[in-house]
Amino acid sequence: MLLTTFVFLGASYISFPERVQTQTFSGKSGEQLEIFTPSIHFVAAVTYFDPQKTSIFVASPSQSPLENIGSDRAFYFPYGNSKIVLNFIKDSEVVINFAAIPSTACRSGIEVIINESHKLDIVASENLVDRCYFFAYPSDKHRFKVVENRLKQGTKLCTFHDYVNDNPYSCYTVGSSTSTAYEPGGGSSAPWIFRLTTGSETDISPTNSIHVDLLATIKKEEYRPVEPFIGQPKRFNQPVVDKYYKKWWIPVVGAISPLFLLISWVVTFVKLLSKRPINKEDEIAP
């Protein structure tokens, strides 16, 4: 089983790995940590922090101004290249659950579930061509149980932890057996991604559905969130190209003329030096 990772702040910045994982970041008063996301689709859920001890900011893209997360707890970076900044006011810990997602997955959106238990009812529809559900909690024992499977032909629900790839933990289609107990038996330290996909010939009806019970055991009682969060993460879109040009390219272009003038001065100065006599024999007679 993959254990929750504790990161102690010896460095000022690190990067999230391209996987599905839970990390606990520990910091001392006055320390700051910048955590950069991969350059792919990325979802992150701040499942525990004490706002009296830690301030959290987000920048997307990473060069943009920092934005305090306020009451937001879940974030979706469809273009990656972003960062989360932890400012530790006092000694404290922050728990972040995250998932790196291929661009071909979760195209119909993603829902984040931050709660120790939840009854997840998924009904296939025309708008749910490729829909994901991210079950995240400050826990090292994330589990699930499929209690009812009414999926029709062409519909599939796959579960992922550690990585979202072509090797899911399990998949459920028409006729798949339900669970007799929560899986996995010992729980998963990593959060879960549930991905529902439908085909072009899928029978879209209210009966094309699957019911999954979610359960997680809190790692520390002090980590217990004040309120659960179930819903859409805050989405950060790539800024328009015009904004980048105005912020970065115009200053660069504006610096070209002074730079060219400086180079001209240097070249002129070097030429003048090269014309000076080296010794008395080279001096020009009066």
C-alpha atoms as a PDB file:
ATOM      1  CA  MET A   1       0.000   0.000   0.000  1.00  0.00           C
ATOM      2  CA  LEU A   2       1.238   3.489  -0.852  1.00  0.00           C
ATOM      3  CA  LEU A   3       1.669   5.455   2.358  1.00  0.00           C
ATOM      4  CA  THR A   4       0.721   9.087   2.718  1.00  0.00           C
ATOM      5  CA  THR A   5       3.766  11.220   1.987  1.00  0.00           C
ATOM      6  CA  PHE A   6       4.962  13.796   4.509  1.00  0.00           C
ATOM      7  CA  VAL A   7       6.967  16.653   3.039  1.00  0.00           C
ATOM      8  CA  PHE A   8       9.040  18.778   5.422  1.00  0.00           C
ATOM      9  CA  LEU A   9       9.955  22.162   4.092  1.00  0.00           C
ATOM     10  CA  GLY A  10      13.678  22.125   3.508  1.00  0.00           C
ATOM     11  CA  ALA A  11      13.216  23.608   0.024  1.00  0.00           C
ATOM     12  CA  SER A  12      11.047  26.482  -1.125  1.00  0.00           C
ATOM     13  CA  TYR A  13       9.377  24.628  -3.990  1.00  0.00           C
ATOM     14  CA  ILE A  14       8.540  21.129  -5.208  1.00  0.00           C
ATOM     15  CA  SER A  15       6.296  19.562  -7.865  1.00  0.00           C
ATOM     16  CA  PHE A  16       3.259  17.324  -7.621  1.00  0.00           C
ATOM     17  CA  PRO A  17       3.918  13.895  -9.200  1.00  0.00           C
ATOM     18  CA  GLU A  18       1.823  12.760 -12.163  1.00  0.00           C
ATOM     19  CA  ARG A  19      -0.311  10.324 -10.208  1.00  0.00           C
ATOM     20  CA  VAL A  20      -3.285  10.004  -7.843  1.00  0.00           C
ATOM     21  CA  GLN A  21      -2.114  10.557  -4.279  1.00  0.00           C
ATOM     22  CA  THR A  22      -2.553  12.118  -0.848  1.00  0.00           C
ATOM     23  CA  GLN A  23       0.253  14.242   0.596  1.00  0.00           C
ATOM     24  CA  THR A  24       0.627  15.887   3.977  1.00  0.00           C
ATOM     25  CA  PHE A  25       2.804  19.012   3.965  1.00  0.00           C
ATOM     26  CA  SER A  26       4.303  20.081   7.297  1.00  0.00           C
ATOM     27  CA  GLY A  27       5.745  23.541   7.842  1.00  0.00           C
ATOM     28  CA  LYS A  28       7.088  25.758  10.577  1.00  0.00           C
ATOM     29  CA  SER A  29       6.127  29.334  11.320  1.00  0.00           C
ATOM     30  CA  GLY A  30       7.359  31.712   8.614  1.00  0.00           C
ATOM     31  CA  GLU A  31       8.049  29.044   5.993  1.00  0.00           C
ATOM     32  CA  GLN A  32       6.609  29.064   2.505  1.00  0.00           C
ATOM     33  CA  LEU A  33       6.273  26.275  -0.043  1.00  0.00           C
ATOM     34  CA  GLU A  34       5.406  26.538  -3.735  1.00  0.00           C
ATOM     35  CA  ILE A  35       4.013  23.324  -5.248  1.00  0.00           C
ATOM     36  CA  PHE A  36       3.887  23.195  -9.050  1.00  0.00           C
ATOM     37  CA  THR A  37       1.367  21.088 -10.960  1.00  0.00           C
ATOM     38  CA  PRO A  38       2.300  18.904 -13.941  1.00  0.00           C
ATOM     39  CA  SER A  39       1.702  20.186 -17.472  1.00  0.00           C
ATOM     40  CA  ILE A  40      -1.427  18.044 -17.861  1.00  0.00           C
ATOM     41  CA  HIS A  41      -5.007  18.103 -16.562  1.00  0.00           C
ATOM     42  CA  PHE A  42      -4.848  18.210 -12.775  1.00  0.00           C
ATOM     43  CA  VAL A  43      -7.390  18.227  -9.945  1.00  0.00           C
ATOM     44  CA  ALA A  44      -6.495  19.073  -6.346  1.00  0.00           C
ATOM     45  CA  ALA A  45      -8.544  19.036  -3.143  1.00  0.00           C
ATOM     46  CA  VAL A  46      -7.365  20.726   0.053  1.00  0.00           C
ATOM     47  CA  THR A  47      -8.884  18.254   2.479  1.00  0.00           C
ATOM     48  CA  TYR A  48      -7.369  19.715   5.647  1.00  0.00           C
ATOM     49  CA  PHE A  49      -5.759  22.961   6.774  1.00  0.00           C
ATOM     50  CA  ASP A  50      -6.166  25.414   9.640  1.00  0.00           C
ATOM     51  CA  PRO A  51      -6.745  28.920   8.202  1.00  0.00           C
ATOM     52  CA  GLN A  52      -5.505  30.385  11.483  1.00  0.00           C
ATOM     53  CA  LYS A  53      -2.144  28.722  10.926  1.00  0.00           C
ATOM     54  CA  THR A  54      -1.775  28.548   7.148  1.00  0.00           C
ATOM     55  CA  SER A  55      -2.688  30.759   4.198  1.00  0.00           C
ATOM     56  CA  ILE A  56      -3.105  29.028   0.840  1.00  0.00           C
ATOM     57  CA  PHE A  57      -2.856  30.697  -2.552  1.00  0.00           C
ATOM     58  CA  VAL A  58      -3.268  29.516  -6.137  1.00  0.00           C
ATOM     59  CA  ALA A  59      -1.738  30.873  -9.346  1.00  0.00           C
ATOM     60  CA  SER A  60      -2.834  29.580 -12.745  1.00  0.00           C
ATOM     61  CA  PRO A  61      -0.761  29.834 -14.838  1.00  0.00           C
ATOM     62  CA  SER A  62       2.078  29.833 -12.339  1.00  0.00           C
ATOM     63  CA  GLN A  63       3.361  33.274 -13.482  1.00  0.00           C
ATOM     64  CA  SER A  64       0.040  34.979 -12.740  1.00  0.00           C
ATOM     65  CA  PRO A  65      -0.756  36.851  -9.480  1.00  0.00           C
ATOM     66  CA  LEU A  66      -1.501  34.728  -6.417  1.00  0.00           C
ATOM     67  CA  GLU A  67      -5.146  34.276  -5.449  1.00  0.00           C
ATOM     68  CA  ASN A  68      -6.212  33.329  -1.918  1.00  0.00           C
ATOM     69  CA  ILE A  69      -8.351  30.182  -2.015  1.00  0.00           C
ATOM     70  CA  GLY A  70     -10.853  31.660   0.454  1.00  0.00           C
ATOM     71  CA  SER A  71     -13.595  29.109   1.073  1.00  0.00           C
ATOM     72  CA  ASP A  72     -12.764  27.039  -2.032  1.00  0.00           C
ATOM     73  CA  ARG A  73     -11.431  23.551  -1.392  1.00  0.00           C
ATOM     74  CA  ALA A  74     -11.253  21.893  -4.808  1.00  0.00           C
ATOM     75  CA  PHE A  75      -9.505  23.099  -7.955  1.00  0.00           C
ATOM     76  CA  TYR A  76      -9.270  21.928 -11.545  1.00  0.00           C
ATOM     77  CA  PHE A  77      -6.373  22.976 -13.757  1.00  0.00           C
ATOM     78  CA  PRO A  78      -7.230  21.770 -17.289  1.00  0.00           C
ATOM     79  CA  TYR A  79      -3.981  23.180 -18.669  1.00  0.00           C
ATOM     80  CA  GLY A  80      -1.668  22.335 -15.769  1.00  0.00           C
ATOM     81  CA  ASN A  81       1.288  24.723 -15.410  1.00  0.00           C
ATOM     82  CA  SER A  82      -0.066  26.119 -12.150  1.00  0.00           C
ATOM     83  CA  LYS A  83       1.032  26.267  -8.526  1.00  0.00           C
ATOM     84  CA  ILE A  84      -0.340  26.119  -4.999  1.00  0.00           C
ATOM     85  CA  VAL A  85       1.486  28.217  -2.409  1.00  0.00           C
ATOM     86  CA  LEU A  86       1.429  27.384   1.309  1.00  0.00           C
ATOM     87  CA  ASN A  87       2.308  30.204   3.721  1.00  0.00           C
ATOM     88  CA  PHE A  88       2.755  28.792   7.210  1.00  0.00           C
ATOM     89  CA  ILE A  89       1.809  31.421   9.790  1.00  0.00           C
ATOM     90  CA  LYS A  90       2.332  28.923  12.622  1.00  0.00           C
ATOM     91  CA  ASP A  91       3.617  25.348  12.792  1.00  0.00           C
ATOM     92  CA  SER A  92       0.957  23.277  11.066  1.00  0.00           C
ATOM     93  CA  GLU A  93       0.052  20.696   8.433  1.00  0.00           C
ATOM     94  CA  VAL A  94      -1.879  20.767   5.171  1.00  0.00           C
ATOM     95  CA  VAL A  95      -3.402  17.700   3.492  1.00  0.00           C
ATOM     96  CA  ILE A  96      -3.881  17.812  -0.282  1.00  0.00           C
ATOM     97  CA  ASN A  97      -5.411  15.023  -2.363  1.00  0.00           C
ATOM     98  CA  PHE A  98      -4.692  15.281  -6.067  1.00  0.00           C
ATOM     99  CA  ALA A  99      -4.912  13.463  -9.384  1.00  0.00           C
ATOM    100  CA  ALA A 100      -3.108  13.913 -12.686  1.00  0.00           C
ATOM    101  CA  ILE A 101      -5.567  13.152 -15.489  1.00  0.00           C
ATOM    102  CA  PRO A 102      -4.825  12.409 -19.162  1.00  0.00           C
ATOM    103  CA  SER A 103      -6.344  14.870 -21.629  1.00  0.00           C
ATOM    104  CA  THR A 104      -8.448  12.045 -23.084  1.00  0.00           C
ATOM    105  CA  ALA A 105     -10.211  11.355 -19.754  1.00  0.00           C
ATOM    106  CA  CYS A 106     -13.019  13.112 -17.850  1.00  0.00           C
ATOM    107  CA  ARG A 107     -14.042  15.161 -20.903  1.00  0.00           C
ATOM    108  CA  SER A 108     -17.580  15.670 -19.540  1.00  0.00           C
ATOM    109  CA  GLY A 109     -16.273  17.146 -16.306  1.00  0.00           C
ATOM    110  CA  ILE A 110     -15.316  16.023 -12.831  1.00  0.00           C
ATOM    111  CA  GLU A 111     -17.057  16.125  -9.451  1.00  0.00           C
ATOM    112  CA  VAL A 112     -15.124  16.240  -6.175  1.00  0.00           C
ATOM    113  CA  ILE A 113     -16.348  14.480  -3.027  1.00  0.00           C
ATOM    114  CA  ILE A 114     -14.672  15.502   0.253  1.00  0.00           C
ATOM    115  CA  ASN A 115     -16.525  13.554   2.924  1.00  0.00           C
ATOM    116  CA  GLU A 116     -15.953  10.438   5.006  1.00  0.00           C
ATOM    117  CA  SER A 117     -18.981   8.730   3.447  1.00  0.00           C
ATOM    118  CA  HIS A 118     -21.169   9.300   0.432  1.00  0.00           C
ATOM    119  CA  LYS A 119     -23.753   7.465  -1.647  1.00  0.00           C
ATOM    120  CA  LEU A 120     -22.752   8.005  -5.255  1.00  0.00           C
ATOM    121  CA  ASP A 121     -25.594   7.497  -7.726  1.00  0.00           C
ATOM    122  CA  ILE A 122     -24.489   7.766 -11.356  1.00  0.00           C
ATOM    123  CA  VAL A 123     -27.092   7.796 -14.113  1.00  0.00           C
ATOM    124  CA  ALA A 124     -25.930   7.730 -17.730  1.00  0.00           C
ATOM    125  CA  SER A 125     -27.195  10.583 -19.891  1.00  0.00           C
ATOM    126  CA  GLU A 126     -26.406  12.288 -23.161  1.00  0.00           C
ATOM    127  CA  ASN A 127     -24.248  14.786 -21.267  1.00  0.00           C
ATOM    128  CA  LEU A 128     -22.276  12.097 -19.433  1.00  0.00           C
ATOM    129  CA  VAL A 129     -20.104  10.778 -22.239  1.00  0.00           C
ATOM    130  CA  ASP A 130     -16.968  10.708 -20.086  1.00  0.00           C
ATOM    131  CA  ARG A 131     -17.594  11.814 -16.512  1.00  0.00           C
ATOM    132  CA  CYS A 132     -15.291  11.472 -13.474  1.00  0.00           C
ATOM    133  CA  TYR A 133     -15.824  11.529  -9.719  1.00  0.00           C
ATOM    134  CA  PHE A 134     -12.913  12.254  -7.351  1.00  0.00           C
ATOM    135  CA  PHE A 135     -13.342  10.773  -3.857  1.00  0.00           C
ATOM    136  CA  ALA A 136     -10.808  12.516  -1.619  1.00  0.00           C
ATOM    137  CA  TYR A 137     -10.466  12.735   2.156  1.00  0.00           C
ATOM    138  CA  PRO A 138      -7.650  13.206   4.730  1.00  0.00           C
ATOM    139  CA  SER A 139      -7.470   9.440   5.098  1.00  0.00           C
ATOM    140  CA  ASP A 140      -5.178   6.495   4.446  1.00  0.00           C
ATOM    141  CA  LYS A 141      -8.168   4.159   4.026  1.00  0.00           C
ATOM    142  CA  HIS A 142     -10.331   5.197   1.044  1.00  0.00           C
ATOM    143  CA  ARG A 143     -12.789   2.406   0.160  1.00  0.00           C
ATOM    144  CA  PHE A 144     -15.834   1.852  -2.026  1.00  0.00           C
ATOM    145  CA  LYS A 145     -18.589  -0.712  -2.542  1.00  0.00           C
ATOM    146  CA  VAL A 146     -20.736  -1.160  -5.647  1.00  0.00           C
ATOM    147  CA  VAL A 147     -24.157  -1.959  -4.174  1.00  0.00           C
ATOM    148  CA  GLU A 148     -26.263  -1.843  -7.338  1.00  0.00           C
ATOM    149  CA  ASN A 149     -25.322  -2.275 -10.993  1.00  0.00           C
ATOM    150  CA  ARG A 150     -27.954  -1.410 -13.596  1.00  0.00           C
ATOM    151  CA  LEU A 151     -25.558  -0.431 -16.357  1.00  0.00           C
ATOM    152  CA  LYS A 152     -26.697  -1.058 -19.916  1.00  0.00           C
ATOM    153  CA  GLN A 153     -24.740  -2.187 -22.948  1.00  0.00           C
ATOM    154  CA  GLY A 154     -22.031   0.299 -23.920  1.00  0.00           C
ATOM    155  CA  THR A 155     -21.697   1.910 -20.482  1.00  0.00           C
ATOM    156  CA  LYS A 156     -18.701   1.307 -18.241  1.00  0.00           C
ATOM    157  CA  LEU A 157     -17.529   2.499 -14.824  1.00  0.00           C
ATOM    158  CA  CYS A 158     -13.798   2.115 -14.078  1.00  0.00           C
ATOM    159  CA  THR A 159     -11.996   2.859 -10.818  1.00  0.00           C
ATOM    160  CA  PHE A 160      -8.459   4.233 -10.498  1.00  0.00           C
ATOM    161  CA  HIS A 161      -6.013   4.922  -7.715  1.00  0.00           C
ATOM    162  CA  ASP A 162      -2.283   5.670  -7.990  1.00  0.00           C
ATOM    163  CA  TYR A 163      -2.625   6.383 -11.735  1.00  0.00           C
ATOM    164  CA  VAL A 164      -5.362   7.201 -14.246  1.00  0.00           C
ATOM    165  CA  ASN A 165      -4.269   5.104 -17.211  1.00  0.00           C
ATOM    166  CA  ASP A 166      -5.190   2.049 -19.270  1.00  0.00           C
ATOM    167  CA  ASN A 167      -4.787  -0.221 -16.246  1.00  0.00           C
ATOM    168  CA  PRO A 168      -7.742   0.512 -13.906  1.00  0.00           C
ATOM    169  CA  TYR A 169      -8.159  -1.094 -10.500  1.00  0.00           C
ATOM    170  CA  SER A 170     -11.545  -2.484 -11.586  1.00  0.00           C
ATOM    171  CA  CYS A 171     -14.275  -1.938 -14.184  1.00  0.00           C
ATOM    172  CA  TYR A 172     -18.030  -2.549 -14.134  1.00  0.00           C
ATOM    173  CA  THR A 173     -20.185  -3.107 -17.212  1.00  0.00           C
ATOM    174  CA  VAL A 174     -23.569  -4.677 -17.912  1.00  0.00           C
ATOM    175  CA  GLY A 175     -23.933  -7.795 -15.752  1.00  0.00           C
ATOM    176  CA  SER A 176     -20.863  -7.198 -13.541  1.00  0.00           C
ATOM    177  CA  SER A 177     -21.267  -8.469  -9.990  1.00  0.00           C
ATOM    178  CA  THR A 178     -21.747  -6.022  -7.151  1.00  0.00           C
ATOM    179  CA  SER A 179     -19.406  -5.881  -4.147  1.00  0.00           C
ATOM    180  CA  THR A 180     -19.930  -8.047  -1.082  1.00  0.00           C
ATOM    181  CA  ALA A 181     -17.726  -5.745   1.027  1.00  0.00           C
ATOM    182  CA  TYR A 182     -15.848  -2.468   0.810  1.00  0.00           C
ATOM    183  CA  GLU A 183     -12.798  -2.554  -1.468  1.00  0.00           C
ATOM    184  CA  PRO A 184      -9.915  -2.836  -1.018  1.00  0.00           C
ATOM    185  CA  GLY A 185     -10.055  -4.641   2.287  1.00  0.00           C
ATOM    186  CA  GLY A 186      -7.374  -2.568   3.982  1.00  0.00           C
ATOM    187  CA  GLY A 187      -8.374   0.640   2.228  1.00  0.00           C
ATOM    188  CA  SER A 188      -6.307   2.793  -0.105  1.00  0.00           C
ATOM    189  CA  SER A 189      -4.096   5.654   1.042  1.00  0.00           C
ATOM    190  CA  ALA A 190      -4.620   7.208  -2.382  1.00  0.00           C
ATOM    191  CA  PRO A 191      -7.962   8.798  -3.264  1.00  0.00           C
ATOM    192  CA  TRP A 192     -10.169   7.260  -5.954  1.00  0.00           C
ATOM    193  CA  ILE A 193     -11.169   8.350  -9.435  1.00  0.00           C
ATOM    194  CA  PHE A 194     -14.412   6.837 -10.753  1.00  0.00           C
ATOM    195  CA  ARG A 195     -14.799   7.250 -14.518  1.00  0.00           C
ATOM    196  CA  LEU A 196     -18.098   6.610 -16.308  1.00  0.00           C
ATOM    197  CA  THR A 197     -17.946   6.321 -20.103  1.00  0.00           C
ATOM    198  CA  THR A 198     -20.662   5.670 -22.652  1.00  0.00           C
ATOM    199  CA  GLY A 199     -20.538   4.553 -26.277  1.00  0.00           C
ATOM    200  CA  SER A 200     -22.322   5.799 -29.379  1.00  0.00           C
ATOM    201  CA  GLU A 201     -24.943   3.040 -29.072  1.00  0.00           C
ATOM    202  CA  THR A 202     -25.479   3.362 -25.323  1.00  0.00           C
ATOM    203  CA  ASP A 203     -29.041   2.995 -24.081  1.00  0.00           C
ATOM    204  CA  ILE A 204     -29.627   6.394 -22.459  1.00  0.00           C
ATOM    205  CA  SER A 205     -32.361   5.923 -19.870  1.00  0.00           C
ATOM    206  CA  PRO A 206     -32.933   6.547 -16.136  1.00  0.00           C
ATOM    207  CA  THR A 207     -32.389   2.841 -15.522  1.00  0.00           C
ATOM    208  CA  ASN A 208     -28.856   2.913 -16.966  1.00  0.00           C
ATOM    209  CA  SER A 209     -27.188   3.578 -13.633  1.00  0.00           C
ATOM    210  CA  ILE A 210     -24.814   2.350 -10.955  1.00  0.00           C
ATOM    211  CA  HIS A 211     -24.789   2.973  -7.203  1.00  0.00           C
ATOM    212  CA  VAL A 212     -21.513   3.140  -5.240  1.00  0.00           C
ATOM    213  CA  ASP A 213     -21.088   3.631  -1.490  1.00  0.00           C
ATOM    214  CA  LEU A 214     -17.936   5.539  -0.515  1.00  0.00           C
ATOM    215  CA  LEU A 215     -16.224   5.310   2.864  1.00  0.00           C
ATOM    216  CA  ALA A 216     -12.995   6.755   4.293  1.00  0.00           C
ATOM    217  CA  THR A 217     -11.462   6.593   7.756  1.00  0.00           C
ATOM    218  CA  ILE A 218     -10.048   9.879   9.070  1.00  0.00           C
ATOM    219  CA  LYS A 219      -6.268   9.682   9.535  1.00  0.00           C
ATOM    220  CA  LYS A 220      -6.205  12.106  12.483  1.00  0.00           C
ATOM    221  CA  GLU A 221      -9.211  13.489  14.316  1.00  0.00           C
ATOM    222  CA  GLU A 222      -7.746  16.990  14.001  1.00  0.00           C
ATOM    223  CA  TYR A 223      -7.919  16.580  10.198  1.00  0.00           C
ATOM    224  CA  ARG A 224     -11.712  16.313  10.212  1.00  0.00           C
ATOM    225  CA  PRO A 225     -13.110  18.992   7.845  1.00  0.00           C
ATOM    226  CA  VAL A 226     -15.553  21.471   9.331  1.00  0.00           C
ATOM    227  CA  GLU A 227     -17.909  20.970   6.394  1.00  0.00           C
ATOM    228  CA  PRO A 228     -18.004  18.354   3.633  1.00  0.00           C
ATOM    229  CA  PHE A 229     -17.587  19.443   0.031  1.00  0.00           C
ATOM    230  CA  ILE A 230     -19.442  17.749  -2.814  1.00  0.00           C
ATOM    231  CA  GLY A 231     -19.555  19.504  -6.140  1.00  0.00           C
ATOM    232  CA  GLN A 232     -17.632  21.021  -9.022  1.00  0.00           C
ATOM    233  CA  PRO A 233     -14.060  22.163  -8.388  1.00  0.00           C
ATOM    234  CA  LYS A 234     -13.094  25.734  -9.171  1.00  0.00           C
ATOM    235  CA  ARG A 235     -11.859  25.727 -12.747  1.00  0.00           C
ATOM    236  CA  PHE A 236      -8.874  27.766 -13.907  1.00  0.00           C
ATOM    237  CA  ASN A 237      -8.830  28.477 -17.630  1.00  0.00           C
ATOM    238  CA  GLN A 238      -5.773  29.381 -19.662  1.00  0.00           C
ATOM    239  CA  PRO A 239      -5.657  33.197 -20.081  1.00  0.00           C
ATOM    240  CA  VAL A 240      -6.208  34.643 -23.535  1.00  0.00           C
ATOM    241  CA  VAL A 241      -3.079  35.108 -25.639  1.00  0.00           C
ATOM    242  CA  ASP A 242      -3.620  38.886 -25.696  1.00  0.00           C
ATOM    243  CA  LYS A 243      -3.203  39.024 -21.933  1.00  0.00           C
ATOM    244  CA  TYR A 244       0.117  37.202 -22.139  1.00  0.00           C
ATOM    245  CA  TYR A 245       1.359  39.536 -24.861  1.00  0.00           C
ATOM    246  CA  LYS A 246       0.489  42.612 -22.842  1.00  0.00           C
ATOM    247  CA  LYS A 247       2.013  41.272 -19.649  1.00  0.00           C
ATOM    248  CA  TRP A 248       5.160  39.594 -20.947  1.00  0.00           C
ATOM    249  CA  TRP A 249       5.880  40.327 -24.621  1.00  0.00           C
ATOM    250  CA  ILE A 250       5.398  44.098 -24.670  1.00  0.00           C
ATOM    251  CA  PRO A 251       8.028  44.688 -21.941  1.00  0.00           C
ATOM    252  CA  VAL A 252      10.392  42.367 -23.795  1.00  0.00           C
ATOM    253  CA  VAL A 253       9.865  44.178 -27.108  1.00  0.00           C
ATOM    254  CA  GLY A 254      10.233  47.521 -25.364  1.00  0.00           C
ATOM    255  CA  ALA A 255      13.635  46.479 -24.046  1.00  0.00           C
ATOM    256  CA  ILE A 256      15.022  45.741 -27.520  1.00  0.00           C
ATOM    257  CA  SER A 257      15.838  49.390 -28.427  1.00  0.00           C
ATOM    258  CA  PRO A 258      17.814  50.169 -25.241  1.00  0.00           C
ATOM    259  CA  LEU A 259      19.606  46.842 -25.583  1.00  0.00           C
ATOM    260  CA  PHE A 260      20.531  47.596 -29.213  1.00  0.00           C
ATOM    261  CA  LEU A 261      21.810  51.048 -28.192  1.00  0.00           C
ATOM    262  CA  LEU A 262      23.912  49.533 -25.402  1.00  0.00           C
ATOM    263  CA  ILE A 263      25.432  47.005 -27.807  1.00  0.00           C
ATOM    264  CA  SER A 264      26.255  49.835 -30.264  1.00  0.00           C
ATOM    265  CA  TRP A 265      28.064  51.754 -27.530  1.00  0.00           C
ATOM    266  CA  VAL A 266      30.079  48.690 -26.566  1.00  0.00           C
ATOM    267  CA  VAL A 267      31.058  47.998 -30.200  1.00  0.00           C
ATOM    268  CA  THR A 268      32.081  51.639 -30.735  1.00  0.00           C
ATOM    269  CA  PHE A 269      34.151  51.642 -27.555  1.00  0.00           C
ATOM    270  CA  VAL A 270      35.960  48.446 -28.577  1.00  0.00           C
ATOM    271  CA  LYS A 271      36.768  49.910 -32.013  1.00  0.00           C
ATOM    272  CA  LEU A 272      38.192  53.070 -30.470  1.00  0.00           C
ATOM    273  CA  LEU A 273      40.402  51.026 -28.171  1.00  0.00           C
ATOM    274  CA  SER A 274      41.693  48.978 -31.097  1.00  0.00           C
ATOM    275  CA  LYS A 275      42.852  52.163 -32.887  1.00  0.00           C
ATOM    276  CA  ARG A 276      44.966  53.445 -29.998  1.00  0.00           C
ATOM    277  CA  PRO A 277      48.791  53.055 -30.448  1.00  0.00           C
ATOM    278  CA  ILE A 278      50.246  50.067 -28.700  1.00  0.00           C
ATOM    279  CA  ASN A 279      53.804  51.508 -28.241  1.00  0.00           C
ATOM    280  CA  LYS A 280      55.888  54.521 -29.166  1.00  0.00           C
ATOM    281  CA  GLU A 281      56.904  53.086 -32.549  1.00  0.00           C
ATOM    282  CA  ASP A 282      53.240  52.905 -33.506  1.00  0.00           C
ATOM    283  CA  GLU A 283      52.624  56.536 -32.587  1.00  0.00           C
ATOM    284  CA  ILE A 284      51.948  58.912 -35.474  1.00  0.00           C
ATOM    285  CA  ALA A 285      54.714  61.487 -36.014  1.00  0.00           C
ATOM    286  CA  PRO A 286      53.718  65.164 -35.643  1.00  0.00           C
END
